[in-house]
Amino acid sequence: MKRIIIDFFAISILCAVVFAAIAHFFPDLGSPGGAISTVIGSMIAGQLHGARTGEEVSSGFAWKVAAILTLISILLAILVLLVLRNVFDNPLTIGISVAQFLSVTAFAGILSLLAIRFTFRFGVKLGIKKPAK
């Protein structure tokens, strides 16, 4: 489980940095957003897990992984928002009430849970088909 979390975290951060760079250097293109980073991170973590173990994961294990990775994603998002709010005085975060923040976080958490669960398990299946060398 620890290796899955490390893989997910590393890939998600790398994707977020790349997408932020794209948004910064090519502002007309917009930003692909954090959701893509989460999906890519969970799929690649699943592929690496499948290639390492060579075994299919149970549905229960996939839900457990999804719950842990979703919690990590939400905590990371809260940390980023706190930094933006307190250090940079980002105008996007100044006018948000606690109730609005919690409702958006809960909705995003549910969507993330579902996306991570299915992309992780799909990634495991892909990883089994193509074992690591």
N, C-alpha and C. Protein backbone atom coordinates (compact mmCIF):
# COMPACT_ATOMS: atom_id res chain seq x y z
N MET A 1 0.83 -1.19 0.00
CA MET A 1 0.00 0.00 0.00
C MET A 1 0.87 1.25 0.00
N LYS A 2 1.98 1.22 0.76
CA LYS A 2 2.84 2.40 0.83
C LYS A 2 3.41 2.75 -0.55
N ARG A 3 3.78 1.72 -1.30
CA ARG A 3 4.34 1.96 -2.63
C ARG A 3 3.29 2.57 -3.57
N ILE A 4 2.05 2.14 -3.45
CA ILE A 4 0.97 2.69 -4.27
C ILE A 4 0.78 4.17 -3.96
N ILE A 5 0.81 4.52 -2.67
CA ILE A 5 0.64 5.92 -2.26
C ILE A 5 1.79 6.77 -2.78
N ILE A 6 3.01 6.26 -2.69
CA ILE A 6 4.17 7.00 -3.17
C ILE A 6 4.09 7.21 -4.68
N ASP A 7 3.74 6.15 -5.42
CA ASP A 7 3.60 6.26 -6.87
C ASP A 7 2.54 7.29 -7.24
N PHE A 8 1.39 7.21 -6.59
CA PHE A 8 0.29 8.14 -6.87
C PHE A 8 0.70 9.58 -6.58
N PHE A 9 1.29 9.80 -5.43
CA PHE A 9 1.68 11.14 -5.02
C PHE A 9 2.71 11.73 -5.98
N ALA A 10 3.72 10.95 -6.33
CA ALA A 10 4.78 11.44 -7.23
C ALA A 10 4.22 11.78 -8.61
N ILE A 11 3.42 10.89 -9.18
CA ILE A 11 2.87 11.13 -10.51
C ILE A 11 1.88 12.30 -10.49
N SER A 12 1.06 12.38 -9.46
CA SER A 12 0.09 13.48 -9.37
C SER A 12 0.78 14.83 -9.27
N ILE A 13 1.83 14.90 -8.46
CA ILE A 13 2.57 16.16 -8.32
C ILE A 13 3.26 16.51 -9.63
N LEU A 14 3.88 15.53 -10.27
CA LEU A 14 4.54 15.78 -11.55
C LEU A 14 3.54 16.29 -12.59
N CYS A 15 2.38 15.65 -12.69
CA CYS A 15 1.36 16.10 -13.64
C CYS A 15 0.87 17.50 -13.31
N ALA A 16 0.65 17.77 -12.03
CA ALA A 16 0.18 19.10 -11.63
C ALA A 16 1.20 20.18 -12.01
N VAL A 17 2.48 19.89 -11.83
CA VAL A 17 3.53 20.86 -12.18
C VAL A 17 3.55 21.07 -13.69
N VAL A 18 3.46 19.99 -14.45
CA VAL A 18 3.46 20.12 -15.92
C VAL A 18 2.24 20.92 -16.38
N PHE A 19 1.06 20.62 -15.83
CA PHE A 19 -0.15 21.34 -16.24
C PHE A 19 -0.10 22.80 -15.80
N ALA A 20 0.50 23.08 -14.65
CA ALA A 20 0.65 24.47 -14.20
C ALA A 20 1.59 25.22 -15.13
N ALA A 21 2.66 24.55 -15.57
CA ALA A 21 3.59 25.18 -16.51
C ALA A 21 2.90 25.46 -17.84
N ILE A 22 2.10 24.52 -18.30
CA ILE A 22 1.34 24.74 -19.54
C ILE A 22 0.41 25.94 -19.39
N ALA A 23 -0.30 26.00 -18.27
CA ALA A 23 -1.22 27.12 -18.04
C ALA A 23 -0.48 28.44 -17.94
N HIS A 24 0.73 28.41 -17.37
CA HIS A 24 1.50 29.64 -17.21
C HIS A 24 2.09 30.12 -18.54
N PHE A 25 2.71 29.22 -19.28
CA PHE A 25 3.39 29.61 -20.51
C PHE A 25 2.45 29.73 -21.72
N PHE A 26 1.32 29.05 -21.67
CA PHE A 26 0.35 29.12 -22.74
C PHE A 26 -1.04 29.43 -22.14
N PRO A 27 -1.23 30.66 -21.65
CA PRO A 27 -2.48 30.98 -20.95
C PRO A 27 -3.73 30.85 -21.82
N ASP A 28 -3.58 30.96 -23.12
CA ASP A 28 -4.74 30.84 -24.00
C ASP A 28 -5.30 29.42 -24.04
N LEU A 29 -4.46 28.45 -23.70
CA LEU A 29 -4.91 27.06 -23.72
C LEU A 29 -5.72 26.70 -22.48
N GLY A 30 -5.57 27.47 -21.42
CA GLY A 30 -6.24 27.15 -20.16
C GLY A 30 -5.47 26.08 -19.40
N SER A 31 -6.05 25.60 -18.32
CA SER A 31 -5.40 24.58 -17.51
C SER A 31 -6.22 23.31 -17.52
N PRO A 32 -5.56 22.16 -17.72
CA PRO A 32 -6.29 20.90 -17.70
C PRO A 32 -6.87 20.56 -16.32
N GLY A 33 -6.33 21.16 -15.28
CA GLY A 33 -6.88 20.99 -13.94
C GLY A 33 -6.33 19.81 -13.17
N GLY A 34 -6.67 19.80 -11.89
CA GLY A 34 -6.17 18.78 -10.98
C GLY A 34 -6.83 17.44 -11.15
N ALA A 35 -8.02 17.40 -11.73
CA ALA A 35 -8.71 16.12 -11.89
C ALA A 35 -7.93 15.18 -12.81
N ILE A 36 -7.34 15.74 -13.85
CA ILE A 36 -6.56 14.91 -14.76
C ILE A 36 -5.32 14.38 -14.05
N SER A 37 -4.71 15.19 -13.20
CA SER A 37 -3.55 14.73 -12.44
C SER A 37 -3.92 13.56 -11.54
N THR A 38 -5.08 13.63 -10.93
CA THR A 38 -5.53 12.56 -10.04
C THR A 38 -5.78 11.27 -10.82
N VAL A 39 -6.45 11.39 -11.96
CA VAL A 39 -6.76 10.21 -12.76
C VAL A 39 -5.48 9.58 -13.31
N ILE A 40 -4.59 10.40 -13.83
CA ILE A 40 -3.33 9.87 -14.36
C ILE A 40 -2.51 9.23 -13.24
N GLY A 41 -2.45 9.89 -12.10
CA GLY A 41 -1.70 9.34 -10.97
C GLY A 41 -2.23 8.00 -10.51
N SER A 42 -3.55 7.86 -10.42
CA SER A 42 -4.12 6.58 -9.96
C SER A 42 -3.96 5.48 -11.01
N MET A 43 -4.06 5.84 -12.28
CA MET A 43 -3.90 4.82 -13.31
C MET A 43 -2.46 4.32 -13.37
N ILE A 44 -1.51 5.23 -13.32
CA ILE A 44 -0.11 4.81 -13.37
C ILE A 44 0.27 4.04 -12.11
N ALA A 45 -0.24 4.46 -10.94
CA ALA A 45 0.02 3.71 -9.72
C ALA A 45 -0.56 2.30 -9.85
N GLY A 46 -1.72 2.17 -10.46
CA GLY A 46 -2.31 0.85 -10.70
C GLY A 46 -1.49 0.02 -11.67
N GLN A 47 -0.99 0.65 -12.72
CA GLN A 47 -0.16 -0.08 -13.68
C GLN A 47 1.12 -0.58 -13.01
N LEU A 48 1.74 0.26 -12.24
CA LEU A 48 2.97 -0.16 -11.56
C LEU A 48 2.69 -1.28 -10.56
N HIS A 49 1.58 -1.18 -9.84
CA HIS A 49 1.20 -2.23 -8.89
C HIS A 49 0.91 -3.54 -9.63
N GLY A 50 0.18 -3.48 -10.71
CA GLY A 50 -0.12 -4.68 -11.50
C GLY A 50 1.12 -5.31 -12.08
N ALA A 51 2.05 -4.49 -12.56
CA ALA A 51 3.29 -5.01 -13.13
C ALA A 51 4.17 -5.64 -12.04
N ARG A 52 4.17 -5.04 -10.84
CA ARG A 52 4.98 -5.59 -9.75
C ARG A 52 4.42 -6.89 -9.21
N THR A 53 3.10 -6.94 -9.02
CA THR A 53 2.50 -8.11 -8.39
C THR A 53 2.05 -9.16 -9.40
N GLY A 54 1.64 -8.73 -10.58
CA GLY A 54 1.14 -9.66 -11.59
C GLY A 54 -0.22 -10.23 -11.23
N GLU A 55 -0.90 -9.64 -10.26
CA GLU A 55 -2.18 -10.14 -9.80
C GLU A 55 -3.26 -9.07 -9.91
N GLU A 56 -4.46 -9.53 -10.18
CA GLU A 56 -5.64 -8.66 -10.18
C GLU A 56 -5.95 -8.25 -8.74
N VAL A 57 -6.46 -7.05 -8.54
CA VAL A 57 -6.84 -6.61 -7.20
C VAL A 57 -8.33 -6.84 -7.00
N SER A 58 -8.72 -7.10 -5.78
CA SER A 58 -10.13 -7.29 -5.47
C SER A 58 -10.84 -5.94 -5.48
N SER A 59 -12.14 -6.00 -5.59
CA SER A 59 -12.93 -4.77 -5.58
C SER A 59 -12.77 -4.03 -4.25
N GLY A 60 -12.75 -4.78 -3.16
CA GLY A 60 -12.57 -4.18 -1.84
C GLY A 60 -11.23 -3.46 -1.70
N PHE A 61 -10.18 -4.07 -2.23
CA PHE A 61 -8.86 -3.43 -2.17
C PHE A 61 -8.84 -2.17 -3.01
N ALA A 62 -9.50 -2.20 -4.17
CA ALA A 62 -9.55 -1.02 -5.04
C ALA A 62 -10.29 0.13 -4.34
N TRP A 63 -11.37 -0.19 -3.61
CA TRP A 63 -12.09 0.85 -2.87
C TRP A 63 -11.23 1.39 -1.73
N LYS A 64 -10.48 0.51 -1.07
CA LYS A 64 -9.60 0.94 0.03
C LYS A 64 -8.52 1.89 -0.50
N VAL A 65 -7.90 1.51 -1.61
CA VAL A 65 -6.89 2.37 -2.22
C VAL A 65 -7.51 3.70 -2.63
N ALA A 66 -8.69 3.65 -3.23
CA ALA A 66 -9.36 4.88 -3.67
C ALA A 66 -9.66 5.80 -2.49
N ALA A 67 -10.10 5.23 -1.38
CA ALA A 67 -10.40 6.05 -0.20
C ALA A 67 -9.15 6.73 0.33
N ILE A 68 -8.06 6.00 0.40
CA ILE A 68 -6.81 6.58 0.91
C ILE A 68 -6.27 7.64 -0.05
N LEU A 69 -6.26 7.34 -1.35
CA LEU A 69 -5.74 8.31 -2.33
C LEU A 69 -6.64 9.54 -2.43
N THR A 70 -7.94 9.37 -2.25
CA THR A 70 -8.85 10.52 -2.25
C THR A 70 -8.57 11.41 -1.05
N LEU A 71 -8.38 10.80 0.09
CA LEU A 71 -8.05 11.57 1.30
C LEU A 71 -6.75 12.35 1.10
N ILE A 72 -5.75 11.72 0.51
CA ILE A 72 -4.49 12.41 0.23
C ILE A 72 -4.72 13.57 -0.73
N SER A 73 -5.52 13.36 -1.78
CA SER A 73 -5.82 14.41 -2.75
C SER A 73 -6.52 15.59 -2.11
N ILE A 74 -7.49 15.30 -1.25
CA ILE A 74 -8.24 16.38 -0.59
C ILE A 74 -7.32 17.15 0.36
N LEU A 75 -6.50 16.45 1.12
CA LEU A 75 -5.58 17.13 2.04
C LEU A 75 -4.58 17.99 1.27
N LEU A 76 -4.11 17.50 0.15
CA LEU A 76 -3.19 18.28 -0.68
C LEU A 76 -3.89 19.51 -1.25
N ALA A 77 -5.13 19.37 -1.68
CA ALA A 77 -5.89 20.52 -2.20
C ALA A 77 -6.13 21.56 -1.12
N ILE A 78 -6.44 21.11 0.09
CA ILE A 78 -6.64 22.04 1.20
C ILE A 78 -5.34 22.77 1.51
N LEU A 79 -4.24 22.06 1.49
CA LEU A 79 -2.93 22.69 1.74
C LEU A 79 -2.63 23.76 0.69
N VAL A 80 -2.88 23.43 -0.56
CA VAL A 80 -2.63 24.40 -1.64
C VAL A 80 -3.53 25.62 -1.48
N LEU A 81 -4.80 25.40 -1.16
CA LEU A 81 -5.71 26.53 -0.97
C LEU A 81 -5.30 27.41 0.21
N LEU A 82 -4.83 26.78 1.28
CA LEU A 82 -4.37 27.56 2.43
C LEU A 82 -3.15 28.40 2.07
N VAL A 83 -2.24 27.81 1.30
CA VAL A 83 -1.06 28.57 0.87
C VAL A 83 -1.48 29.72 -0.03
N LEU A 84 -2.37 29.44 -0.98
CA LEU A 84 -2.84 30.51 -1.87
C LEU A 84 -3.54 31.62 -1.10
N ARG A 85 -4.31 31.23 -0.12
CA ARG A 85 -5.09 32.22 0.64
C ARG A 85 -4.21 33.04 1.57
N ASN A 86 -3.31 32.39 2.28
CA ASN A 86 -2.53 33.07 3.31
C ASN A 86 -1.24 33.70 2.81
N VAL A 87 -0.62 33.11 1.82
CA VAL A 87 0.66 33.63 1.36
C VAL A 87 0.50 34.59 0.19
N PHE A 88 -0.32 34.19 -0.78
CA PHE A 88 -0.41 34.98 -2.01
C PHE A 88 -1.65 35.84 -2.10
N ASP A 89 -2.56 35.76 -1.13
CA ASP A 89 -3.82 36.51 -1.17
C ASP A 89 -4.53 36.33 -2.51
N ASN A 90 -4.69 35.09 -2.90
CA ASN A 90 -5.34 34.77 -4.16
C ASN A 90 -6.81 35.22 -4.09
N PRO A 91 -7.25 36.03 -5.03
CA PRO A 91 -8.64 36.53 -4.98
C PRO A 91 -9.67 35.42 -5.16
N LEU A 92 -9.29 34.29 -5.73
CA LEU A 92 -10.24 33.20 -5.90
C LEU A 92 -10.62 32.54 -4.58
N THR A 93 -9.75 32.63 -3.57
CA THR A 93 -10.01 31.93 -2.31
C THR A 93 -10.46 32.86 -1.19
N ILE A 94 -10.42 34.17 -1.40
CA ILE A 94 -10.74 35.09 -0.31
C ILE A 94 -12.23 35.10 0.01
N GLY A 95 -13.10 35.04 -0.99
CA GLY A 95 -14.53 35.18 -0.74
C GLY A 95 -15.28 33.88 -0.51
N ILE A 96 -14.60 32.78 -0.30
CA ILE A 96 -15.27 31.49 -0.12
C ILE A 96 -15.61 31.27 1.35
N SER A 97 -16.88 30.97 1.63
CA SER A 97 -17.28 30.68 3.01
C SER A 97 -16.90 29.23 3.35
N VAL A 98 -16.91 28.91 4.63
CA VAL A 98 -16.58 27.57 5.07
C VAL A 98 -17.60 26.56 4.53
N ALA A 99 -18.87 26.93 4.53
CA ALA A 99 -19.91 26.02 4.03
C ALA A 99 -19.73 25.73 2.54
N GLN A 100 -19.41 26.77 1.77
CA GLN A 100 -19.17 26.58 0.34
C GLN A 100 -17.95 25.69 0.13
N PHE A 101 -16.91 25.95 0.89
CA PHE A 101 -15.68 25.17 0.77
C PHE A 101 -15.94 23.70 1.09
N LEU A 102 -16.67 23.43 2.17
CA LEU A 102 -16.95 22.05 2.55
C LEU A 102 -17.84 21.33 1.55
N SER A 103 -18.82 22.03 1.00
CA SER A 103 -19.70 21.39 0.02
C SER A 103 -18.95 21.09 -1.27
N VAL A 104 -18.13 22.00 -1.73
CA VAL A 104 -17.33 21.76 -2.94
C VAL A 104 -16.33 20.63 -2.70
N THR A 105 -15.71 20.63 -1.52
CA THR A 105 -14.74 19.59 -1.18
C THR A 105 -15.42 18.22 -1.12
N ALA A 106 -16.61 18.14 -0.54
CA ALA A 106 -17.34 16.87 -0.46
C ALA A 106 -17.72 16.36 -1.85
N PHE A 107 -18.21 17.25 -2.69
CA PHE A 107 -18.57 16.87 -4.05
C PHE A 107 -17.35 16.40 -4.83
N ALA A 108 -16.27 17.17 -4.74
CA ALA A 108 -15.03 16.79 -5.43
C ALA A 108 -14.48 15.48 -4.88
N GLY A 109 -14.62 15.27 -3.58
CA GLY A 109 -14.15 14.03 -2.97
C GLY A 109 -14.89 12.81 -3.49
N ILE A 110 -16.21 12.93 -3.65
CA ILE A 110 -16.99 11.81 -4.17
C ILE A 110 -16.60 11.51 -5.62
N LEU A 111 -16.46 12.55 -6.43
CA LEU A 111 -16.04 12.34 -7.82
C LEU A 111 -14.64 11.75 -7.88
N SER A 112 -13.74 12.24 -7.03
CA SER A 112 -12.38 11.70 -7.01
C SER A 112 -12.36 10.25 -6.59
N LEU A 113 -13.15 9.91 -5.58
CA LEU A 113 -13.22 8.53 -5.10
C LEU A 113 -13.61 7.59 -6.23
N LEU A 114 -14.64 7.95 -6.96
CA LEU A 114 -15.10 7.10 -8.06
C LEU A 114 -14.05 7.03 -9.18
N ALA A 115 -13.49 8.17 -9.55
CA ALA A 115 -12.50 8.19 -10.63
C ALA A 115 -11.25 7.40 -10.25
N ILE A 116 -10.78 7.59 -9.03
CA ILE A 116 -9.57 6.88 -8.60
C ILE A 116 -9.82 5.39 -8.53
N ARG A 117 -10.96 4.99 -8.02
CA ARG A 117 -11.25 3.56 -7.88
C ARG A 117 -11.22 2.86 -9.23
N PHE A 118 -11.92 3.44 -10.20
CA PHE A 118 -12.01 2.78 -11.49
C PHE A 118 -10.73 2.89 -12.30
N THR A 119 -10.05 4.02 -12.24
CA THR A 119 -8.80 4.14 -13.00
C THR A 119 -7.68 3.32 -12.36
N PHE A 120 -7.67 3.19 -11.03
CA PHE A 120 -6.65 2.36 -10.39
C PHE A 120 -6.83 0.89 -10.81
N ARG A 121 -8.05 0.41 -10.74
CA ARG A 121 -8.29 -1.00 -11.09
C ARG A 121 -8.02 -1.23 -12.58
N PHE A 122 -8.40 -0.29 -13.43
CA PHE A 122 -8.10 -0.40 -14.85
C PHE A 122 -6.59 -0.40 -15.08
N GLY A 123 -5.87 0.46 -14.34
CA GLY A 123 -4.42 0.49 -14.45
C GLY A 123 -3.78 -0.81 -14.04
N VAL A 124 -4.31 -1.45 -12.99
CA VAL A 124 -3.79 -2.75 -12.57
C VAL A 124 -3.94 -3.77 -13.70
N LYS A 125 -5.10 -3.77 -14.33
CA LYS A 125 -5.33 -4.71 -15.44
C LYS A 125 -4.34 -4.46 -16.58
N LEU A 126 -4.08 -3.19 -16.89
CA LEU A 126 -3.11 -2.87 -17.92
C LEU A 126 -1.70 -3.29 -17.51
N GLY A 127 -1.37 -3.09 -16.24
CA GLY A 127 -0.05 -3.44 -15.75
C GLY A 127 0.20 -4.93 -15.77
N ILE A 128 -0.84 -5.73 -15.55
CA ILE A 128 -0.70 -7.19 -15.61
C ILE A 128 -0.43 -7.64 -17.03
N LYS A 129 -1.08 -7.02 -17.99
CA LYS A 129 -0.89 -7.38 -19.39
C LYS A 129 0.52 -7.07 -19.87
N LYS A 130 1.13 -6.03 -19.31
CA LYS A 130 2.47 -5.63 -19.73
C LYS A 130 3.38 -5.65 -18.50
N PRO A 131 3.95 -6.81 -18.19
CA PRO A 131 4.78 -6.91 -16.98
C PRO A 131 6.06 -6.08 -17.09
N ALA A 132 6.55 -5.66 -15.92
CA ALA A 132 7.78 -4.86 -15.87
C ALA A 132 8.97 -5.71 -16.26
N LYS A 133 9.96 -5.08 -16.88
CA LYS A 133 11.16 -5.82 -17.32
C LYS A 133 12.21 -5.82 -16.24
